[in-house]
């Protein structure tokens, strides 16, 4: 019984929860971790079907149009955009991009008629630490673009160093 009490005391000495405006964080030896984000990411990986989501490459015309839109969005800093990943589902495109002089971003674009344009309210820009990037960004963009297909955002997997 004493051993269990000592074990519990040691665990509680090193583990705890910290409440923040963006949600709770697990604290281990004073270092914060997004345990709920990790669980969300595992669930998303297990439960998502990405069969219809298309990974776009630099040779794809939709990739090129999306990249041009992003480079023209907030010049002159945006002109140096480097696309880390781009995925498409139907009329929707989700692009992860890094810049030399701007914070990294995830940008949602939508085709209407014959034009592909940025959905301005659905642009994530910045770092997510200590929160796990993918669930944090997915939640933000989903809240800003309710008409976007869930499969597209659920299949977003950050590729850039900025979100690792």
C-alpha atoms as a PDB file:
ATOM      1  CA  UNK A   1       0.000   0.000   0.000  1.00  0.00           C
ATOM      2  CA  UNK A   2       2.844   2.357   0.849  1.00  0.00           C
ATOM      3  CA  UNK A   3       4.439   1.572  -2.499  1.00  0.00           C
ATOM      4  CA  UNK A   4       1.241   2.627  -4.310  1.00  0.00           C
ATOM      5  CA  UNK A   5       1.111   5.863  -2.346  1.00  0.00           C
ATOM      6  CA  UNK A   6       4.753   6.640  -3.157  1.00  0.00           C
ATOM      7  CA  UNK A   7       4.169   5.802  -6.822  1.00  0.00           C
ATOM      8  CA  UNK A   8       1.118   8.087  -6.933  1.00  0.00           C
ATOM      9  CA  UNK A   9       3.058  10.891  -5.255  1.00  0.00           C
ATOM     10  CA  UNK A  10       5.922  10.578  -7.761  1.00  0.00           C
ATOM     11  CA  UNK A  11       3.507  10.588 -10.706  1.00  0.00           C
ATOM     12  CA  UNK A  12       1.600  13.619  -9.424  1.00  0.00           C
ATOM     13  CA  UNK A  13       4.893  15.404  -8.782  1.00  0.00           C
ATOM     14  CA  UNK A  14       5.830  15.096 -12.477  1.00  0.00           C
ATOM     15  CA  UNK A  15       2.448  15.191 -14.238  1.00  0.00           C
ATOM     16  CA  UNK A  16      -0.328  17.741 -14.305  1.00  0.00           C
ATOM     17  CA  UNK A  17      -2.791  19.613 -16.471  1.00  0.00           C
ATOM     18  CA  UNK A  18      -2.577  23.263 -17.438  1.00  0.00           C
ATOM     19  CA  UNK A  19      -5.705  25.085 -18.588  1.00  0.00           C
ATOM     20  CA  UNK A  20      -5.228  27.628 -21.375  1.00  0.00           C
ATOM     21  CA  UNK A  21      -7.550  29.627 -23.599  1.00  0.00           C
ATOM     22  CA  UNK A  22      -6.915  27.126 -26.422  1.00  0.00           C
ATOM     23  CA  UNK A  23      -7.566  24.068 -24.293  1.00  0.00           C
ATOM     24  CA  UNK A  24      -5.812  21.916 -21.723  1.00  0.00           C
ATOM     25  CA  UNK A  25      -2.186  20.824 -21.974  1.00  0.00           C
ATOM     26  CA  UNK A  26      -0.521  17.899 -20.240  1.00  0.00           C
ATOM     27  CA  UNK A  27       2.501  19.110 -18.262  1.00  0.00           C
ATOM     28  CA  UNK A  28       5.365  16.679 -17.692  1.00  0.00           C
ATOM     29  CA  UNK A  29       8.249  18.064 -15.632  1.00  0.00           C
ATOM     30  CA  UNK A  30       7.173  21.623 -16.500  1.00  0.00           C
ATOM     31  CA  UNK A  31       7.054  20.929 -20.271  1.00  0.00           C
ATOM     32  CA  UNK A  32       3.628  21.256 -21.929  1.00  0.00           C
ATOM     33  CA  UNK A  33       2.287  18.648 -24.381  1.00  0.00           C
ATOM     34  CA  UNK A  34      -0.926  18.544 -26.393  1.00  0.00           C
ATOM     35  CA  UNK A  35      -2.116  15.118 -25.273  1.00  0.00           C
ATOM     36  CA  UNK A  36      -5.659  15.715 -26.538  1.00  0.00           C
ATOM     37  CA  UNK A  37      -4.282  16.854 -29.907  1.00  0.00           C
ATOM     38  CA  UNK A  38      -2.236  13.661 -30.121  1.00  0.00           C
ATOM     39  CA  UNK A  39      -5.330  11.571 -29.393  1.00  0.00           C
ATOM     40  CA  UNK A  40      -7.286  13.570 -31.990  1.00  0.00           C
ATOM     41  CA  UNK A  41      -4.550  12.984 -34.557  1.00  0.00           C
ATOM     42  CA  UNK A  42      -4.523   9.240 -33.890  1.00  0.00           C
ATOM     43  CA  UNK A  43      -8.326   9.070 -34.183  1.00  0.00           C
ATOM     44  CA  UNK A  44      -8.247  11.134 -37.396  1.00  0.00           C
ATOM     45  CA  UNK A  45      -5.624   8.838 -38.931  1.00  0.00           C
ATOM     46  CA  UNK A  46      -7.646   5.764 -38.045  1.00  0.00           C
ATOM     47  CA  UNK A  47     -11.074   7.081 -39.060  1.00  0.00           C
ATOM     48  CA  UNK A  48     -10.408   9.204 -42.171  1.00  0.00           C
ATOM     49  CA  UNK A  49     -10.740   8.027 -45.744  1.00  0.00           C
ATOM     50  CA  UNK A  50      -8.500   9.951 -48.126  1.00  0.00           C
ATOM     51  CA  UNK A  51      -9.198   7.931 -51.276  1.00  0.00           C
ATOM     52  CA  UNK A  52     -10.769  10.857 -53.124  1.00  0.00           C
ATOM     53  CA  UNK A  53      -8.319  13.532 -51.929  1.00  0.00           C
ATOM     54  CA  UNK A  54      -5.693  14.234 -54.587  1.00  0.00           C
ATOM     55  CA  UNK A  55      -2.135  15.227 -53.708  1.00  0.00           C
ATOM     56  CA  UNK A  56      -1.095  17.970 -56.148  1.00  0.00           C
ATOM     57  CA  UNK A  57       2.407  18.393 -57.518  1.00  0.00           C
ATOM     58  CA  UNK A  58       4.190  21.383 -59.084  1.00  0.00           C
ATOM     59  CA  UNK A  59       3.324  20.142 -62.582  1.00  0.00           C
ATOM     60  CA  UNK A  60      -0.429  20.270 -61.891  1.00  0.00           C
ATOM     61  CA  UNK A  61      -2.279  23.295 -63.297  1.00  0.00           C
ATOM     62  CA  UNK A  62      -4.398  23.705 -60.132  1.00  0.00           C
ATOM     63  CA  UNK A  63      -1.211  23.691 -58.028  1.00  0.00           C
ATOM     64  CA  UNK A  64       0.230  26.454 -60.224  1.00  0.00           C
ATOM     65  CA  UNK A  65      -2.911  28.601 -59.995  1.00  0.00           C
ATOM     66  CA  UNK A  66      -3.069  28.142 -56.203  1.00  0.00           C
ATOM     67  CA  UNK A  67       0.599  29.071 -55.874  1.00  0.00           C
ATOM     68  CA  UNK A  68       0.114  32.190 -58.035  1.00  0.00           C
ATOM     69  CA  UNK A  69      -2.866  33.254 -55.889  1.00  0.00           C
ATOM     70  CA  UNK A  70      -0.846  32.854 -52.697  1.00  0.00           C
ATOM     71  CA  UNK A  71       2.166  34.743 -54.083  1.00  0.00           C
ATOM     72  CA  UNK A  72      -0.135  37.641 -55.067  1.00  0.00           C
ATOM     73  CA  UNK A  73      -2.078  37.662 -51.761  1.00  0.00           C
ATOM     74  CA  UNK A  74       0.119  39.981 -49.656  1.00  0.00           C
ATOM     75  CA  UNK A  75       3.079  41.180 -51.692  1.00  0.00           C
ATOM     76  CA  UNK A  76       5.944  41.779 -51.566  1.00  0.00           C
ATOM     77  CA  UNK A  77       6.603  39.212 -48.774  1.00  0.00           C
ATOM     78  CA  UNK A  78       4.245  36.613 -50.240  1.00  0.00           C
ATOM     79  CA  UNK A  79       6.089  36.510 -53.566  1.00  0.00           C
ATOM     80  CA  UNK A  80       8.695  34.183 -52.081  1.00  0.00           C
ATOM     81  CA  UNK A  81       6.137  31.539 -51.151  1.00  0.00           C
ATOM     82  CA  UNK A  82       7.248  27.924 -51.150  1.00  0.00           C
ATOM     83  CA  UNK A  83       4.438  25.360 -51.295  1.00  0.00           C
ATOM     84  CA  UNK A  84       5.124  22.483 -48.902  1.00  0.00           C
ATOM     85  CA  UNK A  85       1.993  20.523 -49.837  1.00  0.00           C
ATOM     86  CA  UNK A  86      -1.257  20.913 -51.715  1.00  0.00           C
ATOM     87  CA  UNK A  87      -4.321  18.664 -51.687  1.00  0.00           C
ATOM     88  CA  UNK A  88      -7.550  18.898 -53.648  1.00  0.00           C
ATOM     89  CA  UNK A  89     -11.057  17.532 -53.386  1.00  0.00           C
ATOM     90  CA  UNK A  90     -13.580  18.700 -55.954  1.00  0.00           C
ATOM     91  CA  UNK A  91     -13.614  22.498 -56.099  1.00  0.00           C
ATOM     92  CA  UNK A  92     -11.540  22.887 -52.919  1.00  0.00           C
ATOM     93  CA  UNK A  93      -7.744  23.118 -52.547  1.00  0.00           C
ATOM     94  CA  UNK A  94      -5.787  23.221 -49.286  1.00  0.00           C
ATOM     95  CA  UNK A  95      -2.214  24.494 -49.519  1.00  0.00           C
ATOM     96  CA  UNK A  96       0.503  24.502 -46.880  1.00  0.00           C
ATOM     97  CA  UNK A  97       3.045  27.223 -47.592  1.00  0.00           C
ATOM     98  CA  UNK A  98       6.225  28.674 -46.108  1.00  0.00           C
ATOM     99  CA  UNK A  99       7.704  32.115 -46.663  1.00  0.00           C
ATOM    100  CA  UNK A 100      11.084  33.727 -46.121  1.00  0.00           C
ATOM    101  CA  UNK A 101       9.660  36.793 -44.357  1.00  0.00           C
ATOM    102  CA  UNK A 102       6.156  35.702 -43.238  1.00  0.00           C
ATOM    103  CA  UNK A 103       4.883  33.073 -40.831  1.00  0.00           C
ATOM    104  CA  UNK A 104       3.969  29.684 -42.309  1.00  0.00           C
ATOM    105  CA  UNK A 105       0.386  29.359 -43.499  1.00  0.00           C
ATOM    106  CA  UNK A 106      -2.306  26.927 -44.526  1.00  0.00           C
ATOM    107  CA  UNK A 107      -4.530  28.447 -47.180  1.00  0.00           C
ATOM    108  CA  UNK A 108      -7.911  27.247 -48.394  1.00  0.00           C
ATOM    109  CA  UNK A 109      -8.882  28.010 -51.989  1.00  0.00           C
ATOM    110  CA  UNK A 110     -12.129  27.323 -53.823  1.00  0.00           C
ATOM    111  CA  UNK A 111     -13.095  27.143 -57.462  1.00  0.00           C
ATOM    112  CA  UNK A 112     -16.148  29.195 -58.384  1.00  0.00           C
ATOM    113  CA  UNK A 113     -17.098  29.288 -62.043  1.00  0.00           C
ATOM    114  CA  UNK A 114     -13.707  29.216 -63.801  1.00  0.00           C
ATOM    115  CA  UNK A 115     -11.755  30.996 -61.057  1.00  0.00           C
ATOM    116  CA  UNK A 116      -9.804  29.546 -58.152  1.00  0.00           C
ATOM    117  CA  UNK A 117      -9.463  32.033 -55.316  1.00  0.00           C
ATOM    118  CA  UNK A 118      -8.398  32.174 -51.691  1.00  0.00           C
ATOM    119  CA  UNK A 119     -11.110  31.903 -49.052  1.00  0.00           C
ATOM    120  CA  UNK A 120      -9.786  34.837 -46.975  1.00  0.00           C
ATOM    121  CA  UNK A 121     -11.444  33.909 -43.695  1.00  0.00           C
ATOM    122  CA  UNK A 122      -9.991  30.370 -43.904  1.00  0.00           C
ATOM    123  CA  UNK A 123      -6.273  31.172 -43.838  1.00  0.00           C
ATOM    124  CA  UNK A 124      -4.239  29.910 -40.906  1.00  0.00           C
ATOM    125  CA  UNK A 125      -0.961  31.738 -40.351  1.00  0.00           C
ATOM    126  CA  UNK A 126       1.493  31.195 -37.526  1.00  0.00           C
ATOM    127  CA  UNK A 127       2.963  28.471 -35.380  1.00  0.00           C
ATOM    128  CA  UNK A 128       0.931  26.135 -33.206  1.00  0.00           C
ATOM    129  CA  UNK A 129       3.402  25.055 -30.527  1.00  0.00           C
ATOM    130  CA  UNK A 130       2.795  23.622 -27.974  1.00  0.00           C
ATOM    131  CA  UNK A 131      -0.369  22.325 -29.653  1.00  0.00           C
ATOM    132  CA  UNK A 132      -0.121  19.568 -32.226  1.00  0.00           C
ATOM    133  CA  UNK A 133      -0.274  21.346 -35.590  1.00  0.00           C
ATOM    134  CA  UNK A 134      -2.677  19.230 -37.671  1.00  0.00           C
ATOM    135  CA  UNK A 135      -5.649  19.046 -35.250  1.00  0.00           C
ATOM    136  CA  UNK A 136      -5.209  22.696 -34.263  1.00  0.00           C
ATOM    137  CA  UNK A 137      -5.167  23.935 -37.875  1.00  0.00           C
ATOM    138  CA  UNK A 138      -7.950  21.562 -38.930  1.00  0.00           C
ATOM    139  CA  UNK A 139     -10.229  22.909 -36.195  1.00  0.00           C
ATOM    140  CA  UNK A 140      -9.500  26.521 -37.121  1.00  0.00           C
ATOM    141  CA  UNK A 141     -10.041  26.138 -40.872  1.00  0.00           C
ATOM    142  CA  UNK A 142     -13.131  23.951 -40.395  1.00  0.00           C
ATOM    143  CA  UNK A 143     -14.710  26.646 -38.240  1.00  0.00           C
ATOM    144  CA  UNK A 144     -14.056  29.277 -40.921  1.00  0.00           C
ATOM    145  CA  UNK A 145     -15.209  27.238 -43.949  1.00  0.00           C
ATOM    146  CA  UNK A 146     -18.228  25.130 -43.009  1.00  0.00           C
ATOM    147  CA  UNK A 147     -18.962  24.230 -46.654  1.00  0.00           C
ATOM    148  CA  UNK A 148     -15.572  22.607 -47.205  1.00  0.00           C
ATOM    149  CA  UNK A 149     -15.613  18.801 -47.520  1.00  0.00           C
ATOM    150  CA  UNK A 150     -14.609  17.144 -44.235  1.00  0.00           C
ATOM    151  CA  UNK A 151     -12.473  14.629 -46.117  1.00  0.00           C
ATOM    152  CA  UNK A 152     -10.227  17.419 -47.420  1.00  0.00           C
ATOM    153  CA  UNK A 153      -9.418  18.915 -44.027  1.00  0.00           C
ATOM    154  CA  UNK A 154      -9.240  15.519 -42.328  1.00  0.00           C
ATOM    155  CA  UNK A 155      -6.637  14.397 -44.862  1.00  0.00           C
ATOM    156  CA  UNK A 156      -4.433  17.451 -44.273  1.00  0.00           C
ATOM    157  CA  UNK A 157      -1.072  16.246 -42.945  1.00  0.00           C
ATOM    158  CA  UNK A 158       1.488  19.033 -42.392  1.00  0.00           C
ATOM    159  CA  UNK A 159       4.681  18.522 -44.386  1.00  0.00           C
ATOM    160  CA  UNK A 160       6.691  21.656 -43.615  1.00  0.00           C
ATOM    161  CA  UNK A 161       9.340  21.889 -40.926  1.00  0.00           C
ATOM    162  CA  UNK A 162       7.359  24.786 -39.403  1.00  0.00           C
ATOM    163  CA  UNK A 163       4.598  22.447 -38.205  1.00  0.00           C
ATOM    164  CA  UNK A 164       6.699  19.483 -37.056  1.00  0.00           C
END
